[in-house]
Amino acid sequence: SGRTFSNAGMGWFRQAPGKEREFVAGINWNGGLTYY
């Protein structure tokens, strides 16, 4: 929600019990770049 979504990259992270949060996947603001 909010007006500033489309100008920012987004990322997915995960955290398993007893472990630190880790990067899973990211996408840049316009969807043209991804990283896993």
PDB file of all heavy atoms in Angstrom:
ATOM      1  N   SER A   1       0.857  -1.181   0.000  1.00  0.00           N
ATOM      2  CA  SER A   1       0.000   0.000   0.000  1.00  0.00           C
ATOM      3  C   SER A   1       0.894   1.232   0.000  1.00  0.00           C
ATOM      4  O   SER A   1       2.026   1.188   0.471  1.00  0.00           O
ATOM      5  CB  SER A   1      -0.895   0.008   1.239  1.00  0.00           C
ATOM      6  OG  SER A   1      -0.108   0.086   2.416  1.00  0.00           O
ATOM      7  N   GLY A   2       0.384   2.311  -0.558  1.00  0.00           N
ATOM      8  CA  GLY A   2       1.194   3.520  -0.599  1.00  0.00           C
ATOM      9  C   GLY A   2       1.626   3.862  -2.004  1.00  0.00           C
ATOM     10  O   GLY A   2       1.563   3.034  -2.924  1.00  0.00           O
ATOM     11  N   ARG A   3       2.097   5.066  -2.182  1.00  0.00           N
ATOM     12  CA  ARG A   3       2.388   5.583  -3.512  1.00  0.00           C
ATOM     13  C   ARG A   3       3.813   5.340  -3.974  1.00  0.00           C
ATOM     14  O   ARG A   3       4.135   5.620  -5.122  1.00  0.00           O
ATOM     15  CB  ARG A   3       2.103   7.086  -3.551  1.00  0.00           C
ATOM     16  CG  ARG A   3       0.656   7.454  -3.292  1.00  0.00           C
ATOM     17  CD  ARG A   3       0.471   8.959  -3.434  1.00  0.00           C
ATOM     18  NE  ARG A   3       1.312   9.677  -2.475  1.00  0.00           N
ATOM     19  CZ  ARG A   3       1.497  10.983  -2.517  1.00  0.00           C
ATOM     20  NH1 ARG A   3       0.966  11.697  -3.483  1.00  0.00           N
ATOM     21  NH2 ARG A   3       2.253  11.565  -1.605  1.00  0.00           N
ATOM     22  N   THR A   4       4.679   4.829  -3.124  1.00  0.00           N
ATOM     23  CA  THR A   4       6.089   4.746  -3.475  1.00  0.00           C
ATOM     24  C   THR A   4       6.522   3.336  -3.855  1.00  0.00           C
ATOM     25  O   THR A   4       7.688   3.011  -3.815  1.00  0.00           O
ATOM     26  CB  THR A   4       6.963   5.231  -2.317  1.00  0.00           C
ATOM     27  OG1 THR A   4       6.698   4.435  -1.157  1.00  0.00           O
ATOM     28  CG2 THR A   4       6.682   6.684  -2.028  1.00  0.00           C
ATOM     29  N   PHE A   5       5.591   2.498  -4.218  1.00  0.00           N
ATOM     30  CA  PHE A   5       5.935   1.122  -4.553  1.00  0.00           C
ATOM     31  C   PHE A   5       6.682   1.036  -5.873  1.00  0.00           C
ATOM     32  O   PHE A   5       7.711   0.375  -5.968  1.00  0.00           O
ATOM     33  CB  PHE A   5       4.659   0.276  -4.612  1.00  0.00           C
ATOM     34  CG  PHE A   5       4.900  -1.122  -5.101  1.00  0.00           C
ATOM     35  CD1 PHE A   5       5.351  -2.098  -4.238  1.00  0.00           C
ATOM     36  CD2 PHE A   5       4.650  -1.467  -6.429  1.00  0.00           C
ATOM     37  CE1 PHE A   5       5.572  -3.399  -4.680  1.00  0.00           C
ATOM     38  CE2 PHE A   5       4.868  -2.761  -6.879  1.00  0.00           C
ATOM     39  CZ  PHE A   5       5.322  -3.719  -6.003  1.00  0.00           C
ATOM     40  N   SER A   6       6.164   1.666  -6.907  1.00  0.00           N
ATOM     41  CA  SER A   6       6.670   1.428  -8.260  1.00  0.00           C
ATOM     42  C   SER A   6       8.042   2.029  -8.518  1.00  0.00           C
ATOM     43  O   SER A   6       8.629   1.764  -9.561  1.00  0.00           O
ATOM     44  CB  SER A   6       5.662   1.947  -9.293  1.00  0.00           C
ATOM     45  OG  SER A   6       5.479   3.339  -9.125  1.00  0.00           O
ATOM     46  N   ASN A   7       8.582   2.833  -7.615  1.00  0.00           N
ATOM     47  CA  ASN A   7       9.899   3.419  -7.849  1.00  0.00           C
ATOM     48  C   ASN A   7      10.997   2.733  -7.044  1.00  0.00           C
ATOM     49  O   ASN A   7      12.117   3.241  -6.962  1.00  0.00           O
ATOM     50  CB  ASN A   7       9.890   4.920  -7.540  1.00  0.00           C
ATOM     51  CG  ASN A   7       9.731   5.212  -6.066  1.00  0.00           C
ATOM     52  OD1 ASN A   7       9.488   4.318  -5.269  1.00  0.00           O
ATOM     53  ND2 ASN A   7       9.869   6.470  -5.688  1.00  0.00           N
ATOM     54  N   ALA A   8      10.680   1.581  -6.463  1.00  0.00           N
ATOM     55  CA  ALA A   8      11.653   0.922  -5.598  1.00  0.00           C
ATOM     56  C   ALA A   8      11.769  -0.563  -5.904  1.00  0.00           C
ATOM     57  O   ALA A   8      10.779  -1.214  -6.261  1.00  0.00           O
ATOM     58  CB  ALA A   8      11.259   1.096  -4.133  1.00  0.00           C
ATOM     59  N   GLY A   9      12.980  -1.059  -5.768  1.00  0.00           N
ATOM     60  CA  GLY A   9      13.162  -2.499  -5.851  1.00  0.00           C
ATOM     61  C   GLY A   9      12.505  -3.198  -4.677  1.00  0.00           C
ATOM     62  O   GLY A   9      12.222  -2.585  -3.655  1.00  0.00           O
ATOM     63  N   MET A  10      12.245  -4.477  -4.869  1.00  0.00           N
ATOM     64  CA  MET A  10      11.621  -5.283  -3.825  1.00  0.00           C
ATOM     65  C   MET A  10      12.415  -6.565  -3.646  1.00  0.00           C
ATOM     66  O   MET A  10      13.022  -7.072  -4.603  1.00  0.00           O
ATOM     67  CB  MET A  10      10.176  -5.614  -4.207  1.00  0.00           C
ATOM     68  CG  MET A  10       9.273  -4.402  -4.356  1.00  0.00           C
ATOM     69  SD  MET A  10       8.985  -3.534  -2.811  1.00  0.00           S
ATOM     70  CE  MET A  10       8.047  -4.785  -1.906  1.00  0.00           C
ATOM     71  N   GLY A  11      12.382  -7.082  -2.454  1.00  0.00           N
ATOM     72  CA  GLY A  11      13.134  -8.303  -2.199  1.00  0.00           C
ATOM     73  C   GLY A  11      12.379  -9.264  -1.310  1.00  0.00           C
ATOM     74  O   GLY A  11      11.510  -8.866  -0.524  1.00  0.00           O
ATOM     75  N   TRP A  12      12.693 -10.523  -1.480  1.00  0.00           N
ATOM     76  CA  TRP A  12      12.187 -11.570  -0.593  1.00  0.00           C
ATOM     77  C   TRP A  12      13.357 -12.097   0.228  1.00  0.00           C
ATOM     78  O   TRP A  12      14.437 -12.381  -0.325  1.00  0.00           O
ATOM     79  CB  TRP A  12      11.565 -12.711  -1.383  1.00  0.00           C
ATOM     80  CG  TRP A  12      10.219 -12.422  -1.955  1.00  0.00           C
ATOM     81  CD1 TRP A  12       9.928 -12.011  -3.219  1.00  0.00           C
ATOM     82  CD2 TRP A  12       8.960 -12.536  -1.262  1.00  0.00           C
ATOM     83  NE1 TRP A  12       8.573 -11.854  -3.367  1.00  0.00           N
ATOM     84  CE2 TRP A  12       7.955 -12.170  -2.180  1.00  0.00           C
ATOM     85  CE3 TRP A  12       8.592 -12.913   0.030  1.00  0.00           C
ATOM     86  CZ2 TRP A  12       6.599 -12.167  -1.853  1.00  0.00           C
ATOM     87  CZ3 TRP A  12       7.252 -12.907   0.358  1.00  0.00           C
ATOM     88  CH2 TRP A  12       6.272 -12.539  -0.570  1.00  0.00           C
ATOM     89  N   PHE A  13      13.122 -12.235   1.523  1.00  0.00           N
ATOM     90  CA  PHE A  13      14.078 -12.809   2.438  1.00  0.00           C
ATOM     91  C   PHE A  13      13.386 -13.926   3.210  1.00  0.00           C
ATOM     92  O   PHE A  13      12.160 -14.020   3.208  1.00  0.00           O
ATOM     93  CB  PHE A  13      14.579 -11.744   3.427  1.00  0.00           C
ATOM     94  CG  PHE A  13      15.527 -10.741   2.825  1.00  0.00           C
ATOM     95  CD1 PHE A  13      15.080  -9.795   1.916  1.00  0.00           C
ATOM     96  CD2 PHE A  13      16.867 -10.736   3.167  1.00  0.00           C
ATOM     97  CE1 PHE A  13      15.957  -8.858   1.357  1.00  0.00           C
ATOM     98  CE2 PHE A  13      17.754  -9.810   2.622  1.00  0.00           C
ATOM     99  CZ  PHE A  13      17.286  -8.877   1.714  1.00  0.00           C
ATOM    100  N   ARG A  14      14.165 -14.753   3.876  1.00  0.00           N
ATOM    101  CA  ARG A  14      13.580 -15.806   4.704  1.00  0.00           C
ATOM    102  C   ARG A  14      14.406 -15.992   5.961  1.00  0.00           C
ATOM    103  O   ARG A  14      15.592 -15.700   5.986  1.00  0.00           O
ATOM    104  CB  ARG A  14      13.456 -17.109   3.926  1.00  0.00           C
ATOM    105  CG  ARG A  14      14.787 -17.759   3.554  1.00  0.00           C
ATOM    106  CD  ARG A  14      14.549 -18.953   2.638  1.00  0.00           C
ATOM    107  NE  ARG A  14      15.798 -19.616   2.265  1.00  0.00           N
ATOM    108  CZ  ARG A  14      15.880 -20.595   1.364  1.00  0.00           C
ATOM    109  NH1 ARG A  14      14.786 -21.027   0.746  1.00  0.00           N
ATOM    110  NH2 ARG A  14      17.060 -21.139   1.099  1.00  0.00           N
ATOM    111  N   GLN A  15      13.730 -16.487   6.976  1.00  0.00           N
ATOM    112  CA  GLN A  15      14.405 -16.748   8.243  1.00  0.00           C
ATOM    113  C   GLN A  15      13.902 -18.062   8.815  1.00  0.00           C
ATOM    114  O   GLN A  15      12.711 -18.209   9.096  1.00  0.00           O
ATOM    115  CB  GLN A  15      14.162 -15.611   9.239  1.00  0.00           C
ATOM    116  CG  GLN A  15      14.971 -15.734  10.501  1.00  0.00           C
ATOM    117  CD  GLN A  15      14.980 -14.459  11.312  1.00  0.00           C
ATOM    118  OE1 GLN A  15      14.147 -13.574  11.131  1.00  0.00           O
ATOM    119  NE2 GLN A  15      15.958 -14.321  12.208  1.00  0.00           N
ATOM    120  N   ALA A  16      14.819 -18.996   8.949  1.00  0.00           N
ATOM    121  CA  ALA A  16      14.518 -20.284   9.555  1.00  0.00           C
ATOM    122  C   ALA A  16      14.803 -20.206  11.056  1.00  0.00           C
ATOM    123  O   ALA A  16      15.590 -19.365  11.494  1.00  0.00           O
ATOM    124  CB  ALA A  16      15.366 -21.373   8.903  1.00  0.00           C
ATOM    125  N   PRO A  17      14.193 -21.077  11.841  1.00  0.00           N
ATOM    126  CA  PRO A  17      14.426 -21.057  13.291  1.00  0.00           C
ATOM    127  C   PRO A  17      15.909 -21.171  13.628  1.00  0.00           C
ATOM    128  O   PRO A  17      16.616 -22.026  13.108  1.00  0.00           O
ATOM    129  CB  PRO A  17      13.648 -22.285  13.785  1.00  0.00           C
ATOM    130  CG  PRO A  17      12.579 -22.475  12.770  1.00  0.00           C
ATOM    131  CD  PRO A  17      13.189 -22.093  11.461  1.00  0.00           C
ATOM    132  N   GLY A  18      16.374 -20.270  14.473  1.00  0.00           N
ATOM    133  CA  GLY A  18      17.752 -20.301  14.905  1.00  0.00           C
ATOM    134  C   GLY A  18      18.751 -19.758  13.908  1.00  0.00           C
ATOM    135  O   GLY A  18      19.961 -19.817  14.146  1.00  0.00           O
ATOM    136  N   LYS A  19      18.262 -19.248  12.791  1.00  0.00           N
ATOM    137  CA  LYS A  19      19.158 -18.730  11.758  1.00  0.00           C
ATOM    138  C   LYS A  19      18.866 -17.260  11.491  1.00  0.00           C
ATOM    139  O   LYS A  19      17.804 -16.742  11.828  1.00  0.00           O
ATOM    140  CB  LYS A  19      19.015 -19.530  10.472  1.00  0.00           C
ATOM    141  CG  LYS A  19      19.451 -20.981  10.594  1.00  0.00           C
ATOM    142  CD  LYS A  19      19.448 -21.668   9.251  1.00  0.00           C
ATOM    143  CE  LYS A  19      19.951 -23.095   9.362  1.00  0.00           C
ATOM    144  NZ  LYS A  19      19.977 -23.782   8.035  1.00  0.00           N
ATOM    145  N   GLU A  20      19.832 -16.594  10.872  1.00  0.00           N
ATOM    146  CA  GLU A  20      19.641 -15.207  10.517  1.00  0.00           C
ATOM    147  C   GLU A  20      18.785 -15.090   9.252  1.00  0.00           C
ATOM    148  O   GLU A  20      18.706 -16.015   8.441  1.00  0.00           O
ATOM    149  CB  GLU A  20      21.000 -14.532  10.291  1.00  0.00           C
ATOM    150  CG  GLU A  20      21.852 -14.433  11.536  1.00  0.00           C
ATOM    151  CD  GLU A  20      23.122 -13.639  11.326  1.00  0.00           C
ATOM    152  OE1 GLU A  20      23.415 -13.280  10.164  1.00  0.00           O
ATOM    153  OE2 GLU A  20      23.820 -13.373  12.310  1.00  0.00           O
ATOM    154  N   ARG A  21      18.177 -13.931   9.103  1.00  0.00           N
ATOM    155  CA  ARG A  21      17.406 -13.671   7.896  1.00  0.00           C
ATOM    156  C   ARG A  21      18.360 -13.646   6.705  1.00  0.00           C
ATOM    157  O   ARG A  21      19.428 -13.043   6.757  1.00  0.00           O
ATOM    158  CB  ARG A  21      16.677 -12.337   8.023  1.00  0.00           C
ATOM    159  CG  ARG A  21      15.701 -12.056   6.914  1.00  0.00           C
ATOM    160  CD  ARG A  21      14.902 -10.781   7.176  1.00  0.00           C
ATOM    161  NE  ARG A  21      14.104 -10.880   8.387  1.00  0.00           N
ATOM    162  CZ  ARG A  21      13.173  -9.997   8.729  1.00  0.00           C
ATOM    163  NH1 ARG A  21      12.932  -8.949   7.951  1.00  0.00           N
ATOM    164  NH2 ARG A  21      12.497 -10.141   9.848  1.00  0.00           N
ATOM    165  N   GLU A  22      17.960 -14.304   5.614  1.00  0.00           N
ATOM    166  CA  GLU A  22      18.809 -14.373   4.440  1.00  0.00           C
ATOM    167  C   GLU A  22      18.067 -13.938   3.187  1.00  0.00           C
ATOM    168  O   GLU A  22      16.849 -14.135   3.070  1.00  0.00           O
ATOM    169  CB  GLU A  22      19.362 -15.790   4.240  1.00  0.00           C
ATOM    170  CG  GLU A  22      18.319 -16.839   3.937  1.00  0.00           C
ATOM    171  CD  GLU A  22      18.925 -18.199   3.600  1.00  0.00           C
ATOM    172  OE1 GLU A  22      20.167 -18.328   3.593  1.00  0.00           O
ATOM    173  OE2 GLU A  22      18.147 -19.131   3.318  1.00  0.00           O
ATOM    174  N   PHE A  23      18.834 -13.383   2.273  1.00  0.00           N
ATOM    175  CA  PHE A  23      18.293 -12.947   0.995  1.00  0.00           C
ATOM    176  C   PHE A  23      17.876 -14.151   0.163  1.00  0.00           C
ATOM    177  O   PHE A  23      18.591 -15.157   0.094  1.00  0.00           O
ATOM    178  CB  PHE A  23      19.350 -12.131   0.256  1.00  0.00           C
ATOM    179  CG  PHE A  23      18.994 -11.752  -1.146  1.00  0.00           C
ATOM    180  CD1 PHE A  23      18.145 -10.690  -1.398  1.00  0.00           C
ATOM    181  CD2 PHE A  23      19.500 -12.469  -2.223  1.00  0.00           C
ATOM    182  CE1 PHE A  23      17.821 -10.328  -2.698  1.00  0.00           C
ATOM    183  CE2 PHE A  23      19.186 -12.118  -3.517  1.00  0.00           C
ATOM    184  CZ  PHE A  23      18.342 -11.048  -3.759  1.00  0.00           C
ATOM    185  N   VAL A  24      16.737 -14.027  -0.500  1.00  0.00           N
ATOM    186  CA  VAL A  24      16.245 -15.087  -1.384  1.00  0.00           C
ATOM    187  C   VAL A  24      16.227 -14.610  -2.838  1.00  0.00           C
ATOM    188  O   VAL A  24      16.805 -15.241  -3.720  1.00  0.00           O
ATOM    189  CB  VAL A  24      14.833 -15.542  -0.972  1.00  0.00           C
ATOM    190  CG1 VAL A  24      14.284 -16.551  -1.974  1.00  0.00           C
ATOM    191  CG2 VAL A  24      14.844 -16.120   0.429  1.00  0.00           C
ATOM    192  N   ALA A  25      15.561 -13.476  -3.073  1.00  0.00           N
ATOM    193  CA  ALA A  25      15.427 -12.970  -4.437  1.00  0.00           C
ATOM    194  C   ALA A  25      15.086 -11.495  -4.394  1.00  0.00           C
ATOM    195  O   ALA A  25      14.468 -11.022  -3.446  1.00  0.00           O
ATOM    196  CB  ALA A  25      14.341 -13.729  -5.194  1.00  0.00           C
ATOM    197  N   GLY A  26      15.507 -10.783  -5.440  1.00  0.00           N
ATOM    198  CA  GLY A  26      15.198  -9.370  -5.529  1.00  0.00           C
ATOM    199  C   GLY A  26      14.879  -8.970  -6.951  1.00  0.00           C
ATOM    200  O   GLY A  26      15.279  -9.654  -7.911  1.00  0.00           O
ATOM    201  N   ILE A  27      14.153  -7.885  -7.081  1.00  0.00           N
ATOM    202  CA  ILE A  27      13.768  -7.383  -8.395  1.00  0.00           C
ATOM    203  C   ILE A  27      13.864  -5.867  -8.357  1.00  0.00           C
ATOM    204  O   ILE A  27      13.519  -5.234  -7.354  1.00  0.00           O
ATOM    205  CB  ILE A  27      12.345  -7.865  -8.760  1.00  0.00           C
ATOM    206  CG1 ILE A  27      11.999  -7.527 -10.204  1.00  0.00           C
ATOM    207  CG2 ILE A  27      11.295  -7.316  -7.793  1.00  0.00           C
ATOM    208  CD1 ILE A  27      10.751  -8.277 -10.702  1.00  0.00           C
ATOM    209  N   ASN A  28      14.352  -5.278  -9.444  1.00  0.00           N
ATOM    210  CA  ASN A  28      14.518  -3.838  -9.418  1.00  0.00           C
ATOM    211  C   ASN A  28      13.170  -3.137  -9.640  1.00  0.00           C
ATOM    212  O   ASN A  28      12.137  -3.778  -9.829  1.00  0.00           O
ATOM    213  CB  ASN A  28      15.563  -3.383 -10.436  1.00  0.00           C
ATOM    214  CG  ASN A  28      15.047  -3.392 -11.851  1.00  0.00           C
ATOM    215  OD1 ASN A  28      14.257  -4.258 -12.219  1.00  0.00           O
ATOM    216  ND2 ASN A  28      15.474  -2.423 -12.639  1.00  0.00           N
ATOM    217  N   TRP A  29      13.198  -1.806  -9.640  1.00  0.00           N
ATOM    218  CA  TRP A  29      11.961  -1.042  -9.578  1.00  0.00           C
ATOM    219  C   TRP A  29      11.041  -1.269 -10.767  1.00  0.00           C
ATOM    220  O   TRP A  29       9.816  -1.209 -10.623  1.00  0.00           O
ATOM    221  CB  TRP A  29      12.275   0.456  -9.429  1.00  0.00           C
ATOM    222  CG  TRP A  29      13.001   1.044 -10.603  1.00  0.00           C
ATOM    223  CD1 TRP A  29      14.344   1.034 -10.830  1.00  0.00           C
ATOM    224  CD2 TRP A  29      12.419   1.741 -11.711  1.00  0.00           C
ATOM    225  NE1 TRP A  29      14.637   1.661 -12.006  1.00  0.00           N
ATOM    226  CE2 TRP A  29      13.477   2.110 -12.573  1.00  0.00           C
ATOM    227  CE3 TRP A  29      11.112   2.087 -12.047  1.00  0.00           C
ATOM    228  CZ2 TRP A  29      13.256   2.815 -13.753  1.00  0.00           C
ATOM    229  CZ3 TRP A  29      10.893   2.791 -13.223  1.00  0.00           C
ATOM    230  CH2 TRP A  29      11.959   3.133 -14.059  1.00  0.00           C
ATOM    231  N   ASN A  30      11.601  -1.522 -11.956  1.00  0.00           N
ATOM    232  CA  ASN A  30      10.736  -1.686 -13.126  1.00  0.00           C
ATOM    233  C   ASN A  30      10.615  -3.139 -13.570  1.00  0.00           C
ATOM    234  O   ASN A  30      10.019  -3.425 -14.606  1.00  0.00           O
ATOM    235  CB  ASN A  30      11.224  -0.823 -14.287  1.00  0.00           C
ATOM    236  CG  ASN A  30      12.580  -1.265 -14.820  1.00  0.00           C
ATOM    237  OD1 ASN A  30      13.159  -2.254 -14.359  1.00  0.00           O
ATOM    238  ND2 ASN A  30      13.089  -0.538 -15.800  1.00  0.00           N
ATOM    239  N   GLY A  31      11.184  -4.044 -12.813  1.00  0.00           N
ATOM    240  CA  GLY A  31      11.071  -5.463 -13.138  1.00  0.00           C
ATOM    241  C   GLY A  31      12.058  -5.950 -14.176  1.00  0.00           C
ATOM    242  O   GLY A  31      12.026  -7.126 -14.551  1.00  0.00           O
ATOM    243  N   GLY A  32      12.953  -5.086 -14.615  1.00  0.00           N
ATOM    244  CA  GLY A  32      13.881  -5.467 -15.655  1.00  0.00           C
ATOM    245  C   GLY A  32      15.080  -6.268 -15.179  1.00  0.00           C
ATOM    246  O   GLY A  32      15.770  -6.895 -15.990  1.00  0.00           O
ATOM    247  N   LEU A  33      15.329  -6.247 -13.900  1.00  0.00           N
ATOM    248  CA  LEU A  33      16.471  -6.973 -13.335  1.00  0.00           C
ATOM    249  C   LEU A  33      16.008  -7.833 -12.169  1.00  0.00           C
ATOM    250  O   LEU A  33      15.195  -7.389 -11.351  1.00  0.00           O
ATOM    251  CB  LEU A  33      17.535  -5.999 -12.827  1.00  0.00           C
ATOM    252  CG  LEU A  33      18.297  -5.156 -13.858  1.00  0.00           C
ATOM    253  CD1 LEU A  33      19.187  -4.156 -13.135  1.00  0.00           C
ATOM    254  CD2 LEU A  33      19.122  -6.043 -14.774  1.00  0.00           C
ATOM    255  N   THR A  34      16.536  -9.036 -12.106  1.00  0.00           N
ATOM    256  CA  THR A  34      16.278  -9.907 -10.973  1.00  0.00           C
ATOM    257  C   THR A  34      17.598 -10.518 -10.513  1.00  0.00           C
ATOM    258  O   THR A  34      18.572 -10.583 -11.270  1.00  0.00           O
ATOM    259  CB  THR A  34      15.301 -11.040 -11.314  1.00  0.00           C
ATOM    260  OG1 THR A  34      15.834 -11.801 -12.411  1.00  0.00           O
ATOM    261  CG2 THR A  34      13.938 -10.493 -11.703  1.00  0.00           C
ATOM    262  N   TYR A  35      17.595 -10.954  -9.258  1.00  0.00           N
ATOM    263  CA  TYR A  35      18.797 -11.572  -8.694  1.00  0.00           C
ATOM    264  C   TYR A  35      18.360 -12.574  -7.653  1.00  0.00           C
ATOM    265  O   TYR A  35      17.404 -12.326  -6.905  1.00  0.00           O
ATOM    266  CB  TYR A  35      19.695 -10.499  -8.067  1.00  0.00           C
ATOM    267  CG  TYR A  35      20.984 -11.032  -7.508  1.00  0.00           C
ATOM    268  CD1 TYR A  35      21.974 -11.546  -8.350  1.00  0.00           C
ATOM    269  CD2 TYR A  35      21.230 -11.021  -6.149  1.00  0.00           C
ATOM    270  CE1 TYR A  35      23.158 -12.036  -7.837  1.00  0.00           C
ATOM    271  CE2 TYR A  35      22.414 -11.508  -5.623  1.00  0.00           C
ATOM    272  CZ  TYR A  35      23.377 -12.011  -6.470  1.00  0.00           C
ATOM    273  OH  TYR A  35      24.550 -12.497  -5.968  1.00  0.00           O
ATOM    274  N   TYR A  36      19.057 -13.737  -7.626  1.00  0.00           N
ATOM    275  CA  TYR A  36      18.643 -14.826  -6.749  1.00  0.00           C
ATOM    276  C   TYR A  36      19.815 -15.337  -5.914  1.00  0.00           C
ATOM    277  O   TYR A  36      20.973 -15.328  -6.360  1.00  0.00           O
ATOM    278  CB  TYR A  36      18.093 -15.990  -7.579  1.00  0.00           C
ATOM    279  CG  TYR A  36      16.874 -15.642  -8.381  1.00  0.00           C
ATOM    280  CD1 TYR A  36      16.978 -15.181  -9.693  1.00  0.00           C
ATOM    281  CD2 TYR A  36      15.599 -15.765  -7.839  1.00  0.00           C
ATOM    282  CE1 TYR A  36      15.863 -14.842 -10.432  1.00  0.00           C
ATOM    283  CE2 TYR A  36      14.473 -15.441  -8.571  1.00  0.00           C
ATOM    284  CZ  TYR A  36      14.606 -14.977  -9.867  1.00  0.00           C
ATOM    285  OH  TYR A  36      13.487 -14.650 -10.590  1.00  0.00           O
TER     286      TYR A  36
END
